[in-house]
């Protein structure tokens, strides 16, 4: 999760601007073939738009959980799931639910392959 390292978040925000905090981490940690999940209600967060563009340039696959029509981010990712709501709370609830379902499916798939 690119949101958990407070040191890089504050340093990058201070040095290059908050719009680049995730892009800088992708440049350091990402590699072609990785998968980046992006969560945005509006699809207009500049830091996520920059991350999607950086991911594309590095060959990192992208999926976005969105709402409110998907915004600009919808066109910058490989796959998008757009919750048909204008409500931030409903969108975030659905994003969490979908994330848990995907994790469960991955865990079940890993269990069968071990």
PDB file of N, CA and C in Angstrom:
ATOM      1  N   UNK A   1       0.849  -1.185   0.000  1.00  0.00           N
ATOM      2  CA  UNK A   1       0.000   0.000   0.000  1.00  0.00           C
ATOM      3  C   UNK A   1       0.889   1.241   0.000  1.00  0.00           C
ATOM      4  N   UNK A   2       0.710   2.067  -0.986  1.00  0.00           N
ATOM      5  CA  UNK A   2       1.542   3.262  -1.125  1.00  0.00           C
ATOM      6  C   UNK A   2       1.147   4.360  -0.143  1.00  0.00           C
ATOM      7  N   UNK A   3       0.141   4.119   0.653  1.00  0.00           N
ATOM      8  CA  UNK A   3      -0.324   5.130   1.602  1.00  0.00           C
ATOM      9  C   UNK A   3       0.210   4.918   3.011  1.00  0.00           C
ATOM     10  N   UNK A   4       0.991   3.875   3.249  1.00  0.00           N
ATOM     11  CA  UNK A   4       1.349   3.522   4.622  1.00  0.00           C
ATOM     12  C   UNK A   4       2.694   4.060   5.101  1.00  0.00           C
ATOM     13  N   UNK A   5       3.525   4.534   4.219  1.00  0.00           N
ATOM     14  CA  UNK A   5       4.846   5.036   4.600  1.00  0.00           C
ATOM     15  C   UNK A   5       4.769   6.551   4.785  1.00  0.00           C
ATOM     16  N   UNK A   6       4.524   6.980   6.018  1.00  0.00           N
ATOM     17  CA  UNK A   6       4.340   8.413   6.263  1.00  0.00           C
ATOM     18  C   UNK A   6       5.601   9.213   5.972  1.00  0.00           C
ATOM     19  N   UNK A   7       6.753   8.605   6.110  1.00  0.00           N
ATOM     20  CA  UNK A   7       7.996   9.337   5.826  1.00  0.00           C
ATOM     21  C   UNK A   7       8.072   9.731   4.360  1.00  0.00           C
ATOM     22  N   UNK A   8       7.792   8.802   3.467  1.00  0.00           N
ATOM     23  CA  UNK A   8       7.853   9.145   2.041  1.00  0.00           C
ATOM     24  C   UNK A   8       6.701  10.059   1.658  1.00  0.00           C
ATOM     25  N   UNK A   9       5.539   9.859   2.259  1.00  0.00           N
ATOM     26  CA  UNK A   9       4.407  10.727   1.932  1.00  0.00           C
ATOM     27  C   UNK A   9       4.721  12.187   2.266  1.00  0.00           C
ATOM     28  N   UNK A  10       5.268  12.411   3.453  1.00  0.00           N
ATOM     29  CA  UNK A  10       5.551  13.797   3.841  1.00  0.00           C
ATOM     30  C   UNK A  10       6.769  14.345   3.104  1.00  0.00           C
ATOM     31  N   UNK A  11       7.787  13.534   2.901  1.00  0.00           N
ATOM     32  CA  UNK A  11       8.982  14.009   2.197  1.00  0.00           C
ATOM     33  C   UNK A  11       8.663  14.316   0.737  1.00  0.00           C
ATOM     34  N   UNK A  12       7.975  13.413   0.068  1.00  0.00           N
ATOM     35  CA  UNK A  12       7.639  13.638  -1.338  1.00  0.00           C
ATOM     36  C   UNK A  12       6.689  14.821  -1.480  1.00  0.00           C
ATOM     37  N   UNK A  13       5.712  14.910  -0.588  1.00  0.00           N
ATOM     38  CA  UNK A  13       4.781  16.047  -0.654  1.00  0.00           C
ATOM     39  C   UNK A  13       5.530  17.358  -0.481  1.00  0.00           C
ATOM     40  N   UNK A  14       6.488  17.369   0.400  1.00  0.00           N
ATOM     41  CA  UNK A  14       7.277  18.585   0.640  1.00  0.00           C
ATOM     42  C   UNK A  14       8.212  18.895  -0.531  1.00  0.00           C
ATOM     43  N   UNK A  15       8.862  17.866  -1.074  1.00  0.00           N
ATOM     44  CA  UNK A  15       9.889  18.078  -2.092  1.00  0.00           C
ATOM     45  C   UNK A  15       9.350  18.228  -3.510  1.00  0.00           C
ATOM     46  N   UNK A  16       8.354  17.411  -3.880  1.00  0.00           N
ATOM     47  CA  UNK A  16       7.877  17.425  -5.271  1.00  0.00           C
ATOM     48  C   UNK A  16       6.391  17.740  -5.397  1.00  0.00           C
ATOM     49  N   UNK A  17       5.688  17.870  -4.277  1.00  0.00           N
ATOM     50  CA  UNK A  17       4.259  18.189  -4.304  1.00  0.00           C
ATOM     51  C   UNK A  17       3.410  16.962  -4.074  1.00  0.00           C
ATOM     52  N   UNK A  18       2.283  17.171  -3.419  1.00  0.00           N
ATOM     53  CA  UNK A  18       1.417  16.041  -3.065  1.00  0.00           C
ATOM     54  C   UNK A  18       0.900  15.301  -4.293  1.00  0.00           C
ATOM     55  N   UNK A  19       0.792  15.996  -5.420  1.00  0.00           N
ATOM     56  CA  UNK A  19       0.298  15.327  -6.634  1.00  0.00           C
ATOM     57  C   UNK A  19       1.256  14.244  -7.127  1.00  0.00           C
ATOM     58  N   UNK A  20       2.491  14.214  -6.622  1.00  0.00           N
ATOM     59  CA  UNK A  20       3.475  13.234  -7.084  1.00  0.00           C
ATOM     60  C   UNK A  20       3.799  12.152  -6.050  1.00  0.00           C
ATOM     61  N   UNK A  21       3.132  12.135  -4.903  1.00  0.00           N
ATOM     62  CA  UNK A  21       3.544  11.217  -3.831  1.00  0.00           C
ATOM     63  C   UNK A  21       3.460   9.747  -4.238  1.00  0.00           C
ATOM     64  N   UNK A  22       2.463   9.378  -5.018  1.00  0.00           N
ATOM     65  CA  UNK A  22       2.350   7.981  -5.421  1.00  0.00           C
ATOM     66  C   UNK A  22       3.218   7.676  -6.642  1.00  0.00           C
ATOM     67  N   UNK A  23       3.340   8.626  -7.547  1.00  0.00           N
ATOM     68  CA  UNK A  23       4.201   8.435  -8.716  1.00  0.00           C
ATOM     69  C   UNK A  23       5.643   8.186  -8.319  1.00  0.00           C
ATOM     70  N   UNK A  24       6.135   8.957  -7.351  1.00  0.00           N
ATOM     71  CA  UNK A  24       7.519   8.790  -6.906  1.00  0.00           C
ATOM     72  C   UNK A  24       7.739   7.399  -6.317  1.00  0.00           C
ATOM     73  N   UNK A  25       6.762   6.907  -5.573  1.00  0.00           N
ATOM     74  CA  UNK A  25       6.888   5.563  -5.008  1.00  0.00           C
ATOM     75  C   UNK A  25       6.862   4.505  -6.108  1.00  0.00           C
ATOM     76  N   UNK A  26       6.018   4.700  -7.102  1.00  0.00           N
ATOM     77  CA  UNK A  26       5.983   3.745  -8.218  1.00  0.00           C
ATOM     78  C   UNK A  26       7.312   3.722  -8.955  1.00  0.00           C
ATOM     79  N   UNK A  27       7.901   4.891  -9.141  1.00  0.00           N
ATOM     80  CA  UNK A  27       9.194   4.953  -9.816  1.00  0.00           C
ATOM     81  C   UNK A  27      10.249   4.161  -9.054  1.00  0.00           C
ATOM     82  N   UNK A  28      10.176   4.189  -7.740  1.00  0.00           N
ATOM     83  CA  UNK A  28      11.164   3.497  -6.908  1.00  0.00           C
ATOM     84  C   UNK A  28      10.846   2.019  -6.733  1.00  0.00           C
ATOM     85  N   UNK A  29       9.588   1.672  -6.600  1.00  0.00           N
ATOM     86  CA  UNK A  29       9.208   0.316  -6.191  1.00  0.00           C
ATOM     87  C   UNK A  29       8.558  -0.514  -7.289  1.00  0.00           C
ATOM     88  N   UNK A  30       7.990   0.135  -8.289  1.00  0.00           N
ATOM     89  CA  UNK A  30       7.219  -0.584  -9.302  1.00  0.00           C
ATOM     90  C   UNK A  30       8.074  -1.158 -10.405  1.00  0.00           C
ATOM     91  N   UNK A  31       7.525  -2.199 -11.025  1.00  0.00           N
ATOM     92  CA  UNK A  31       8.181  -2.788 -12.201  1.00  0.00           C
ATOM     93  C   UNK A  31       7.116  -3.317 -13.141  1.00  0.00           C
ATOM     94  N   UNK A  32       7.487  -3.445 -14.390  1.00  0.00           N
ATOM     95  CA  UNK A  32       6.565  -3.944 -15.390  1.00  0.00           C
ATOM     96  C   UNK A  32       5.929  -5.251 -14.963  1.00  0.00           C
ATOM     97  N   UNK A  33       4.642  -5.365 -15.196  1.00  0.00           N
ATOM     98  CA  UNK A  33       3.906  -6.560 -14.821  1.00  0.00           C
ATOM     99  C   UNK A  33       3.225  -6.468 -13.471  1.00  0.00           C
ATOM    100  N   UNK A  34       3.603  -5.484 -12.640  1.00  0.00           N
ATOM    101  CA  UNK A  34       2.915  -5.267 -11.366  1.00  0.00           C
ATOM    102  C   UNK A  34       1.477  -4.833 -11.633  1.00  0.00           C
ATOM    103  N   UNK A  35       0.680  -4.853 -10.583  1.00  0.00           N
ATOM    104  CA  UNK A  35      -0.712  -4.415 -10.673  1.00  0.00           C
ATOM    105  C   UNK A  35      -0.955  -3.341  -9.620  1.00  0.00           C
ATOM    106  N   UNK A  36      -1.456  -2.200 -10.058  1.00  0.00           N
ATOM    107  CA  UNK A  36      -1.752  -1.076  -9.178  1.00  0.00           C
ATOM    108  C   UNK A  36      -3.259  -0.895  -9.107  1.00  0.00           C
ATOM    109  N   UNK A  37      -3.803  -0.945  -7.880  1.00  0.00           N
ATOM    110  CA  UNK A  37      -5.213  -0.639  -7.641  1.00  0.00           C
ATOM    111  C   UNK A  37      -5.318   0.804  -7.173  1.00  0.00           C
ATOM    112  N   UNK A  38      -6.198   1.545  -7.783  1.00  0.00           N
ATOM    113  CA  UNK A  38      -6.429   2.933  -7.416  1.00  0.00           C
ATOM    114  C   UNK A  38      -7.876   3.083  -6.940  1.00  0.00           C
ATOM    115  N   UNK A  39      -8.071   3.831  -5.870  1.00  0.00           N
ATOM    116  CA  UNK A  39      -9.406   4.089  -5.327  1.00  0.00           C
ATOM    117  C   UNK A  39      -9.668   5.586  -5.373  1.00  0.00           C
ATOM    118  N   UNK A  40     -10.752   5.982  -6.021  1.00  0.00           N
ATOM    119  CA  UNK A  40     -11.119   7.396  -6.064  1.00  0.00           C
ATOM    120  C   UNK A  40     -12.616   7.512  -6.277  1.00  0.00           C
ATOM    121  N   UNK A  41     -13.245   8.333  -5.481  1.00  0.00           N
ATOM    122  CA  UNK A  41     -14.670   8.567  -5.693  1.00  0.00           C
ATOM    123  C   UNK A  41     -14.898   9.408  -6.940  1.00  0.00           C
ATOM    124  N   UNK A  42     -14.113  10.459  -7.093  1.00  0.00           N
ATOM    125  CA  UNK A  42     -14.339  11.396  -8.201  1.00  0.00           C
ATOM    126  C   UNK A  42     -13.593  11.037  -9.479  1.00  0.00           C
ATOM    127  N   UNK A  43     -12.462  10.343  -9.346  1.00  0.00           N
ATOM    128  CA  UNK A  43     -11.616  10.091 -10.506  1.00  0.00           C
ATOM    129  C   UNK A  43     -10.852  11.322 -10.957  1.00  0.00           C
ATOM    130  N   UNK A  44     -10.793  12.331 -10.095  1.00  0.00           N
ATOM    131  CA  UNK A  44     -10.148  13.591 -10.450  1.00  0.00           C
ATOM    132  C   UNK A  44      -8.961  13.939  -9.565  1.00  0.00           C
ATOM    133  N   UNK A  45      -8.568  13.049  -8.663  1.00  0.00           N
ATOM    134  CA  UNK A  45      -7.445  13.325  -7.768  1.00  0.00           C
ATOM    135  C   UNK A  45      -6.150  13.348  -8.563  1.00  0.00           C
ATOM    136  N   UNK A  46      -5.471  14.477  -8.528  1.00  0.00           N
ATOM    137  CA  UNK A  46      -4.265  14.645  -9.346  1.00  0.00           C
ATOM    138  C   UNK A  46      -3.186  13.633  -8.979  1.00  0.00           C
ATOM    139  N   UNK A  47      -3.063  13.276  -7.685  1.00  0.00           N
ATOM    140  CA  UNK A  47      -2.031  12.307  -7.304  1.00  0.00           C
ATOM    141  C   UNK A  47      -2.314  10.924  -7.901  1.00  0.00           C
ATOM    142  N   UNK A  48      -3.575  10.573  -8.063  1.00  0.00           N
ATOM    143  CA  UNK A  48      -3.905   9.284  -8.675  1.00  0.00           C
ATOM    144  C   UNK A  48      -3.783   9.342 -10.194  1.00  0.00           C
ATOM    145  N   UNK A  49      -4.098  10.473 -10.776  1.00  0.00           N
ATOM    146  CA  UNK A  49      -3.918  10.639 -12.221  1.00  0.00           C
ATOM    147  C   UNK A  49      -2.435  10.530 -12.574  1.00  0.00           C
ATOM    148  N   UNK A  50      -1.587  11.191 -11.796  1.00  0.00           N
ATOM    149  CA  UNK A  50      -0.147  11.092 -12.018  1.00  0.00           C
ATOM    150  C   UNK A  50       0.343   9.654 -11.820  1.00  0.00           C
ATOM    151  N   UNK A  51      -0.191   8.968 -10.808  1.00  0.00           N
ATOM    152  CA  UNK A  51       0.206   7.572 -10.561  1.00  0.00           C
ATOM    153  C   UNK A  51      -0.186   6.685 -11.728  1.00  0.00           C
ATOM    154  N   UNK A  52      -1.372   6.876 -12.272  1.00  0.00           N
ATOM    155  CA  UNK A  52      -1.819   6.068 -13.419  1.00  0.00           C
ATOM    156  C   UNK A  52      -0.924   6.301 -14.627  1.00  0.00           C
ATOM    157  N   UNK A  53      -0.547   7.553 -14.856  1.00  0.00           N
ATOM    158  CA  UNK A  53       0.328   7.858 -15.990  1.00  0.00           C
ATOM    159  C   UNK A  53       1.719   7.260 -15.796  1.00  0.00           C
ATOM    160  N   UNK A  54       2.240   7.335 -14.576  1.00  0.00           N
ATOM    161  CA  UNK A  54       3.542   6.737 -14.284  1.00  0.00           C
ATOM    162  C   UNK A  54       3.477   5.229 -14.438  1.00  0.00           C
ATOM    163  N   UNK A  55       2.411   4.628 -13.926  1.00  0.00           N
ATOM    164  CA  UNK A  55       2.248   3.174 -14.045  1.00  0.00           C
ATOM    165  C   UNK A  55       2.263   2.754 -15.508  1.00  0.00           C
ATOM    166  N   UNK A  56       1.537   3.465 -16.332  1.00  0.00           N
ATOM    167  CA  UNK A  56       1.497   3.137 -17.766  1.00  0.00           C
ATOM    168  C   UNK A  56       2.900   3.200 -18.370  1.00  0.00           C
ATOM    169  N   UNK A  57       3.647   4.232 -18.013  1.00  0.00           N
ATOM    170  CA  UNK A  57       4.992   4.386 -18.586  1.00  0.00           C
ATOM    171  C   UNK A  57       5.936   3.282 -18.116  1.00  0.00           C
ATOM    172  N   UNK A  58       5.665   2.678 -16.961  1.00  0.00           N
ATOM    173  CA  UNK A  58       6.507   1.607 -16.421  1.00  0.00           C
ATOM    174  C   UNK A  58       6.009   0.208 -16.768  1.00  0.00           C
ATOM    175  N   UNK A  59       4.898   0.114 -17.482  1.00  0.00           N
ATOM    176  CA  UNK A  59       4.342  -1.192 -17.824  1.00  0.00           C
ATOM    177  C   UNK A  59       3.621  -1.853 -16.662  1.00  0.00           C
ATOM    178  N   UNK A  60       3.151  -1.048 -15.726  1.00  0.00           N
ATOM    179  CA  UNK A  60       2.389  -1.553 -14.581  1.00  0.00           C
ATOM    180  C   UNK A  60       0.916  -1.527 -14.961  1.00  0.00           C
ATOM    181  N   UNK A  61       0.231  -2.646 -14.758  1.00  0.00           N
ATOM    182  CA  UNK A  61      -1.194  -2.739 -15.049  1.00  0.00           C
ATOM    183  C   UNK A  61      -1.981  -1.969 -13.993  1.00  0.00           C
ATOM    184  N   UNK A  62      -3.130  -1.420 -14.388  1.00  0.00           N
ATOM    185  CA  UNK A  62      -3.900  -0.591 -13.475  1.00  0.00           C
ATOM    186  C   UNK A  62      -5.376  -0.962 -13.464  1.00  0.00           C
ATOM    187  N   UNK A  63      -5.949  -0.930 -12.275  1.00  0.00           N
ATOM    188  CA  UNK A  63      -7.380  -1.100 -12.054  1.00  0.00           C
ATOM    189  C   UNK A  63      -7.816   0.033 -11.136  1.00  0.00           C
ATOM    190  N   UNK A  64      -8.948   0.641 -11.432  1.00  0.00           N
ATOM    191  CA  UNK A  64      -9.443   1.722 -10.580  1.00  0.00           C
ATOM    192  C   UNK A  64     -10.863   1.431 -10.118  1.00  0.00           C
ATOM    193  N   UNK A  65     -11.088   1.631  -8.835  1.00  0.00           N
ATOM    194  CA  UNK A  65     -12.429   1.644  -8.262  1.00  0.00           C
ATOM    195  C   UNK A  65     -12.849   3.105  -8.223  1.00  0.00           C
ATOM    196  N   UNK A  66     -13.920   3.428  -8.916  1.00  0.00           N
ATOM    197  CA  UNK A  66     -14.345   4.807  -9.087  1.00  0.00           C
ATOM    198  C   UNK A  66     -15.838   4.960  -8.817  1.00  0.00           C
ATOM    199  N   UNK A  67     -16.314   6.189  -8.865  1.00  0.00           N
ATOM    200  CA  UNK A  67     -17.739   6.505  -8.792  1.00  0.00           C
ATOM    201  C   UNK A  67     -17.940   7.832  -9.512  1.00  0.00           C
ATOM    202  N   UNK A  68     -19.136   8.367  -9.412  1.00  0.00           N
ATOM    203  CA  UNK A  68     -19.445   9.684  -9.981  1.00  0.00           C
ATOM    204  C   UNK A  68     -19.018   9.798 -11.442  1.00  0.00           C
ATOM    205  N   UNK A  69     -19.201   8.726 -12.207  1.00  0.00           N
ATOM    206  CA  UNK A  69     -18.867   8.731 -13.628  1.00  0.00           C
ATOM    207  C   UNK A  69     -17.431   8.354 -13.955  1.00  0.00           C
ATOM    208  N   UNK A  70     -16.557   8.326 -12.964  1.00  0.00           N
ATOM    209  CA  UNK A  70     -15.187   7.875 -13.179  1.00  0.00           C
ATOM    210  C   UNK A  70     -14.169   8.963 -13.417  1.00  0.00           C
ATOM    211  N   UNK A  71     -14.602  10.158 -13.809  1.00  0.00           N
ATOM    212  CA  UNK A  71     -13.677  11.260 -14.010  1.00  0.00           C
ATOM    213  C   UNK A  71     -12.584  10.961 -15.026  1.00  0.00           C
ATOM    214  N   UNK A  72     -11.532  11.747 -14.996  1.00  0.00           N
ATOM    215  CA  UNK A  72     -10.401  11.577 -15.930  1.00  0.00           C
ATOM    216  C   UNK A  72      -9.683  10.258 -15.725  1.00  0.00           C
ATOM    217  N   UNK A  73      -9.660   9.785 -14.480  1.00  0.00           N
ATOM    218  CA  UNK A  73      -8.922   8.564 -14.175  1.00  0.00           C
ATOM    219  C   UNK A  73      -9.455   7.364 -14.959  1.00  0.00           C
ATOM    220  N   UNK A  74     -10.733   7.364 -15.227  1.00  0.00           N
ATOM    221  CA  UNK A  74     -11.357   6.248 -15.943  1.00  0.00           C
ATOM    222  C   UNK A  74     -10.669   5.968 -17.279  1.00  0.00           C
ATOM    223  N   UNK A  75     -10.223   7.016 -17.940  1.00  0.00           N
ATOM    224  CA  UNK A  75      -9.613   6.847 -19.268  1.00  0.00           C
ATOM    225  C   UNK A  75      -8.123   6.523 -19.196  1.00  0.00           C
ATOM    226  N   UNK A  76      -7.540   6.575 -18.001  1.00  0.00           N
ATOM    227  CA  UNK A  76      -6.094   6.382 -17.853  1.00  0.00           C
ATOM    228  C   UNK A  76      -5.717   5.014 -17.313  1.00  0.00           C
ATOM    229  N   UNK A  77      -6.691   4.176 -17.005  1.00  0.00           N
ATOM    230  CA  UNK A  77      -6.412   2.868 -16.415  1.00  0.00           C
ATOM    231  C   UNK A  77      -6.807   1.756 -17.378  1.00  0.00           C
ATOM    232  N   UNK A  78      -6.245   0.573 -17.116  1.00  0.00           N
ATOM    233  CA  UNK A  78      -6.560  -0.572 -17.966  1.00  0.00           C
ATOM    234  C   UNK A  78      -7.990  -1.057 -17.747  1.00  0.00           C
ATOM    235  N   UNK A  79      -8.409  -1.103 -16.500  1.00  0.00           N
ATOM    236  CA  UNK A  79      -9.756  -1.547 -16.146  1.00  0.00           C
ATOM    237  C   UNK A  79     -10.319  -0.619 -15.083  1.00  0.00           C
ATOM    238  N   UNK A  80     -11.587  -0.287 -15.203  1.00  0.00           N
ATOM    239  CA  UNK A  80     -12.215   0.528 -14.169  1.00  0.00           C
ATOM    240  C   UNK A  80     -13.542  -0.103 -13.764  1.00  0.00           C
ATOM    241  N   UNK A  81     -13.829   0.022 -12.494  1.00  0.00           N
ATOM    242  CA  UNK A  81     -15.121  -0.376 -11.955  1.00  0.00           C
ATOM    243  C   UNK A  81     -15.724   0.905 -11.392  1.00  0.00           C
ATOM    244  N   UNK A  82     -16.778   1.380 -12.041  1.00  0.00           N
ATOM    245  CA  UNK A  82     -17.393   2.644 -11.675  1.00  0.00           C
ATOM    246  C   UNK A  82     -18.717   2.358 -10.977  1.00  0.00           C
ATOM    247  N   UNK A  83     -18.788   2.689  -9.709  1.00  0.00           N
ATOM    248  CA  UNK A  83     -20.008   2.511  -8.940  1.00  0.00           C
ATOM    249  C   UNK A  83     -20.990   3.606  -9.373  1.00  0.00           C
ATOM    250  N   UNK A  84     -22.194   3.226  -9.771  1.00  0.00           N
ATOM    251  CA  UNK A  84     -23.144   4.225 -10.277  1.00  0.00           C
ATOM    252  C   UNK A  84     -23.831   4.998  -9.152  1.00  0.00           C
ATOM    253  N   UNK A  85     -23.073   5.893  -8.532  1.00  0.00           N
ATOM    254  CA  UNK A  85     -23.613   6.719  -7.456  1.00  0.00           C
ATOM    255  C   UNK A  85     -22.888   8.043  -7.415  1.00  0.00           C
ATOM    256  N   UNK A  86     -23.562   9.038  -6.893  1.00  0.00           N
ATOM    257  CA  UNK A  86     -22.948  10.335  -6.617  1.00  0.00           C
ATOM    258  C   UNK A  86     -22.572  10.452  -5.147  1.00  0.00           C
ATOM    259  N   UNK A  87     -22.921   9.430  -4.365  1.00  0.00           N
ATOM    260  CA  UNK A  87     -22.675   9.446  -2.922  1.00  0.00           C
ATOM    261  C   UNK A  87     -21.286   8.903  -2.613  1.00  0.00           C
ATOM    262  N   UNK A  88     -20.455   9.734  -1.997  1.00  0.00           N
ATOM    263  CA  UNK A  88     -19.113   9.302  -1.617  1.00  0.00           C
ATOM    264  C   UNK A  88     -19.172   8.126  -0.657  1.00  0.00           C
ATOM    265  N   UNK A  89     -20.049   8.202   0.336  1.00  0.00           N
ATOM    266  CA  UNK A  89     -20.149   7.128   1.330  1.00  0.00           C
ATOM    267  C   UNK A  89     -20.538   5.803   0.677  1.00  0.00           C
ATOM    268  N   UNK A  90     -21.546   5.798  -0.215  1.00  0.00           N
ATOM    269  CA  UNK A  90     -21.954   4.554  -0.880  1.00  0.00           C
ATOM    270  C   UNK A  90     -20.827   4.019  -1.753  1.00  0.00           C
ATOM    271  N   UNK A  91     -20.135   4.903  -2.452  1.00  0.00           N
ATOM    272  CA  UNK A  91     -19.032   4.470  -3.319  1.00  0.00           C
ATOM    273  C   UNK A  91     -17.938   3.804  -2.492  1.00  0.00           C
ATOM    274  N   UNK A  92     -17.553   4.418  -1.389  1.00  0.00           N
ATOM    275  CA  UNK A  92     -16.484   3.865  -0.561  1.00  0.00           C
ATOM    276  C   UNK A  92     -16.901   2.542   0.068  1.00  0.00           C
ATOM    277  N   UNK A  93     -18.161   2.411   0.457  1.00  0.00           N
ATOM    278  CA  UNK A  93     -18.644   1.127   0.982  1.00  0.00           C
ATOM    279  C   UNK A  93     -18.534   0.035  -0.073  1.00  0.00           C
ATOM    280  N   UNK A  94     -18.913   0.339  -1.292  1.00  0.00           N
ATOM    281  CA  UNK A  94     -18.830  -0.646  -2.376  1.00  0.00           C
ATOM    282  C   UNK A  94     -17.382  -0.956  -2.731  1.00  0.00           C
ATOM    283  N   UNK A  95     -16.525   0.043  -2.734  1.00  0.00           N
ATOM    284  CA  UNK A  95     -15.103  -0.193  -3.010  1.00  0.00           C
ATOM    285  C   UNK A  95     -14.516  -1.146  -1.981  1.00  0.00           C
ATOM    286  N   UNK A  96     -14.821  -0.933  -0.708  1.00  0.00           N
ATOM    287  CA  UNK A  96     -14.339  -1.836   0.347  1.00  0.00           C
ATOM    288  C   UNK A  96     -14.858  -3.249   0.151  1.00  0.00           C
ATOM    289  N   UNK A  97     -16.142  -3.369  -0.142  1.00  0.00           N
ATOM    290  CA  UNK A  97     -16.736  -4.692  -0.350  1.00  0.00           C
ATOM    291  C   UNK A  97     -16.072  -5.403  -1.523  1.00  0.00           C
ATOM    292  N   UNK A  98     -15.904  -4.715  -2.634  1.00  0.00           N
ATOM    293  CA  UNK A  98     -15.256  -5.317  -3.801  1.00  0.00           C
ATOM    294  C   UNK A  98     -13.815  -5.706  -3.504  1.00  0.00           C
ATOM    295  N   UNK A  99     -13.109  -4.871  -2.771  1.00  0.00           N
ATOM    296  CA  UNK A  99     -11.735  -5.201  -2.393  1.00  0.00           C
ATOM    297  C   UNK A  99     -11.666  -6.475  -1.573  1.00  0.00           C
ATOM    298  N   UNK A 100     -12.586  -6.639  -0.630  1.00  0.00           N
ATOM    299  CA  UNK A 100     -12.608  -7.851   0.188  1.00  0.00           C
ATOM    300  C   UNK A 100     -12.952  -9.080  -0.653  1.00  0.00           C
ATOM    301  N   UNK A 101     -13.864  -8.940  -1.591  1.00  0.00           N
ATOM    302  CA  UNK A 101     -14.219 -10.055  -2.476  1.00  0.00           C
ATOM    303  C   UNK A 101     -13.017 -10.467  -3.317  1.00  0.00           C
ATOM    304  N   UNK A 102     -12.298  -9.502  -3.861  1.00  0.00           N
ATOM    305  CA  UNK A 102     -11.118  -9.808  -4.679  1.00  0.00           C
ATOM    306  C   UNK A 102     -10.059 -10.503  -3.830  1.00  0.00           C
ATOM    307  N   UNK A 103      -9.811 -10.005  -2.621  1.00  0.00           N
ATOM    308  CA  UNK A 103      -8.831 -10.651  -1.738  1.00  0.00           C
ATOM    309  C   UNK A 103      -9.225 -12.086  -1.440  1.00  0.00           C
ATOM    310  N   UNK A 104     -10.492 -12.304  -1.177  1.00  0.00           N
ATOM    311  CA  UNK A 104     -10.967 -13.659  -0.898  1.00  0.00           C
ATOM    312  C   UNK A 104     -10.754 -14.572  -2.099  1.00  0.00           C
ATOM    313  N   UNK A 105     -11.042 -14.081  -3.286  1.00  0.00           N
ATOM    314  CA  UNK A 105     -10.847 -14.879  -4.497  1.00  0.00           C
ATOM    315  C   UNK A 105      -9.367 -15.208  -4.712  1.00  0.00           C
ATOM    316  N   UNK A 106      -8.508 -14.232  -4.486  1.00  0.00           N
ATOM    317  CA  UNK A 106      -7.067 -14.459  -4.631  1.00  0.00           C
ATOM    318  C   UNK A 106      -6.603 -15.497  -3.609  1.00  0.00           C
ATOM    319  N   UNK A 107      -7.013 -15.348  -2.358  1.00  0.00           N
ATOM    320  CA  UNK A 107      -6.625 -16.310  -1.324  1.00  0.00           C
ATOM    321  C   UNK A 107      -7.089 -17.721  -1.656  1.00  0.00           C
ATOM    322  N   UNK A 108      -8.305 -17.845  -2.153  1.00  0.00           N
ATOM    323  CA  UNK A 108      -8.806 -19.158  -2.547  1.00  0.00           C
ATOM    324  C   UNK A 108      -7.991 -19.726  -3.709  1.00  0.00           C
ATOM    325  N   UNK A 109      -7.634 -18.871  -4.655  1.00  0.00           N
ATOM    326  CA  UNK A 109      -6.832 -19.313  -5.789  1.00  0.00           C
ATOM    327  C   UNK A 109      -5.445 -19.730  -5.384  1.00  0.00           C
ATOM    328  N   UNK A 110      -4.837 -19.004  -4.472  1.00  0.00           N
ATOM    329  CA  UNK A 110      -3.503 -19.362  -3.963  1.00  0.00           C
ATOM    330  C   UNK A 110      -3.575 -20.677  -3.210  1.00  0.00           C
ATOM    331  N   UNK A 111      -4.608 -20.854  -2.412  1.00  0.00           N
ATOM    332  CA  UNK A 111      -4.767 -22.086  -1.635  1.00  0.00           C
ATOM    333  C   UNK A 111      -4.855 -23.313  -2.520  1.00  0.00           C
ATOM    334  N   UNK A 112      -5.476 -23.185  -3.677  1.00  0.00           N
ATOM    335  CA  UNK A 112      -5.591 -24.327  -4.585  1.00  0.00           C
ATOM    336  C   UNK A 112      -4.274 -24.648  -5.277  1.00  0.00           C
ATOM    337  N   UNK A 113      -3.395 -23.653  -5.351  1.00  0.00           N
ATOM    338  CA  UNK A 113      -2.137 -23.836  -6.069  1.00  0.00           C
ATOM    339  C   UNK A 113      -0.967 -24.175  -5.161  1.00  0.00           C
ATOM    340  N   UNK A 114      -1.208 -24.292  -3.856  1.00  0.00           N
ATOM    341  CA  UNK A 114      -0.116 -24.573  -2.928  1.00  0.00           C
ATOM    342  C   UNK A 114       0.042 -26.060  -2.772  1.00  0.00           C
TER     343      UNK A 114
END
